[in-house]
Each structure stands twice: as structure tokens, then as C-alpha cells.
Amino acid sequence: MRVDKWLSSVNVIKRRTIASDMVKSGVVYVNGLKAKASKNVAIGDKITIEYLKGAKLYEVLDIPTTKTIPKSQKDKYVKEINGE
């Protein structure tokens, strides 16, 4: 699954257009490398988003098979990593 689609599917970013814009702006990194919109994510990848107030690090736990998932199931697909 593409990185921008994954970010919106698992409710890290609310809309895919915003996720795509963030990737194009160069603030999304996959495993430490600047991501392109076409970059596919895999289970175990670390995704960093550089916000103005600091970076957030996420780990890919699973890839959803549907366009969106319920917010209650977010913990099955993504884990926010703090302190790194």
C-alpha cells in the first residue's frame, strides 16, 4: 500500500490529499529516508512525520485491506513510538 494511502487509511492523517501533500513537501520519512508518494509500506516499517512542533514516529503493524478502518481498530495497524 502506498505511504499516503496508508497514512489516511489508518487514521494517522485525516485525508489522503493532505497525506499526499505532506509526502510531496518532504516531511514524511520511511525508515529514515524521505518518502515519495509511490513508496509502498511494509509491516515493520518506521514512518516519521516532521510536524512544525516536532516529529512523530509510527510503526506499521499491519496493512489494511479496506479503504478506511474504524478508529477503534487503529491500534491493530499502527503504533506511535515516543522518545526516539
Protein backbone atom coordinates (compact mmCIF):
# COMPACT_ATOMS: atom_id res chain seq x y z
CA MET A 1 0.00 0.00 0.00
CA ARG A 2 1.26 3.47 -0.86
CA VAL A 3 2.51 5.53 2.08
CA ASP A 4 -0.01 8.35 1.56
CA LYS A 5 -2.90 5.90 1.32
CA TRP A 6 -1.73 4.02 4.44
CA LEU A 7 -1.47 7.23 6.48
CA SER A 8 -5.09 8.14 5.69
CA SER A 9 -6.45 4.57 5.92
CA VAL A 10 -5.19 4.03 9.48
CA ASN A 11 -6.33 7.49 10.63
CA VAL A 12 -2.88 9.00 11.21
CA ILE A 13 -3.80 11.82 8.80
CA LYS A 14 -7.47 12.63 8.22
CA ARG A 15 -7.50 12.93 4.42
CA ARG A 16 -5.44 11.33 1.68
CA THR A 17 -4.99 14.65 -0.14
CA ILE A 18 -3.34 16.07 2.98
CA ALA A 19 -1.17 12.95 3.29
CA SER A 20 -0.14 13.30 -0.37
CA ASP A 21 0.73 16.97 0.12
CA MET A 22 2.82 16.14 3.19
CA VAL A 23 4.76 13.48 1.25
CA LYS A 24 5.34 15.93 -1.65
CA SER A 25 6.51 18.58 0.83
CA GLY A 26 9.20 16.20 2.10
CA VAL A 27 8.08 15.90 5.72
CA VAL A 28 7.33 12.14 5.62
CA TYR A 29 10.16 9.64 6.04
CA VAL A 30 10.04 5.83 5.77
CA ASN A 31 12.85 4.07 7.64
CA GLY A 32 14.83 7.31 7.77
CA LEU A 33 14.61 8.04 4.03
CA LYS A 34 12.49 10.83 2.53
CA ALA A 35 9.38 9.14 1.12
CA LYS A 36 7.89 9.54 -2.34
CA ALA A 37 4.12 9.19 -2.80
CA SER A 38 4.59 5.93 -4.70
CA LYS A 39 6.61 4.36 -1.83
CA ASN A 40 4.98 1.18 -0.58
CA VAL A 41 4.98 0.47 3.14
CA ALA A 42 5.51 -2.94 4.67
CA ILE A 43 4.90 -4.40 8.12
CA GLY A 44 7.69 -3.27 10.44
CA ASP A 45 8.46 -0.02 8.60
CA LYS A 46 9.02 3.09 10.70
CA ILE A 47 7.31 6.23 9.42
CA THR A 48 8.38 9.65 10.69
CA ILE A 49 6.31 12.79 10.13
CA GLU A 50 8.06 16.11 10.74
CA TYR A 51 5.45 18.49 12.15
CA LEU A 52 6.24 22.12 12.99
CA LYS A 53 6.11 21.30 16.72
CA GLY A 54 8.30 18.22 16.40
CA ALA A 55 8.46 14.80 14.82
CA LYS A 56 6.17 11.83 15.41
CA LEU A 57 7.32 8.27 14.79
CA TYR A 58 4.96 5.45 13.87
CA GLU A 59 5.49 1.73 13.29
CA VAL A 60 3.48 -0.18 10.68
CA LEU A 61 1.90 -3.18 12.41
CA ASP A 62 -0.40 -4.31 9.59
CA ILE A 63 -1.68 -3.24 6.17
CA PRO A 64 -5.47 -2.68 5.98
CA THR A 65 -7.39 -4.39 3.18
CA THR A 66 -10.11 -1.73 3.09
CA LYS A 67 -10.01 1.98 2.23
CA THR A 68 -10.58 3.02 5.84
CA ILE A 69 -10.68 1.31 9.20
CA PRO A 70 -12.73 2.16 12.28
CA LYS A 71 -10.82 4.40 14.68
CA SER A 72 -11.33 1.78 17.39
CA GLN A 73 -9.13 -0.62 15.37
CA LYS A 74 -6.26 1.83 14.82
CA ASP A 75 -4.05 0.04 17.38
CA LYS A 76 -4.01 -3.10 15.19
CA TYR A 77 -2.40 -1.24 12.30
CA VAL A 78 -0.18 1.47 13.77
CA LYS A 79 1.85 2.06 16.91
CA GLU A 80 3.06 5.51 17.89
CA ILE A 81 6.62 5.36 19.21
CA ASN A 82 7.64 8.05 21.70
CA GLY A 83 11.04 9.18 22.86
CA GLU A 84 13.07 8.35 19.78
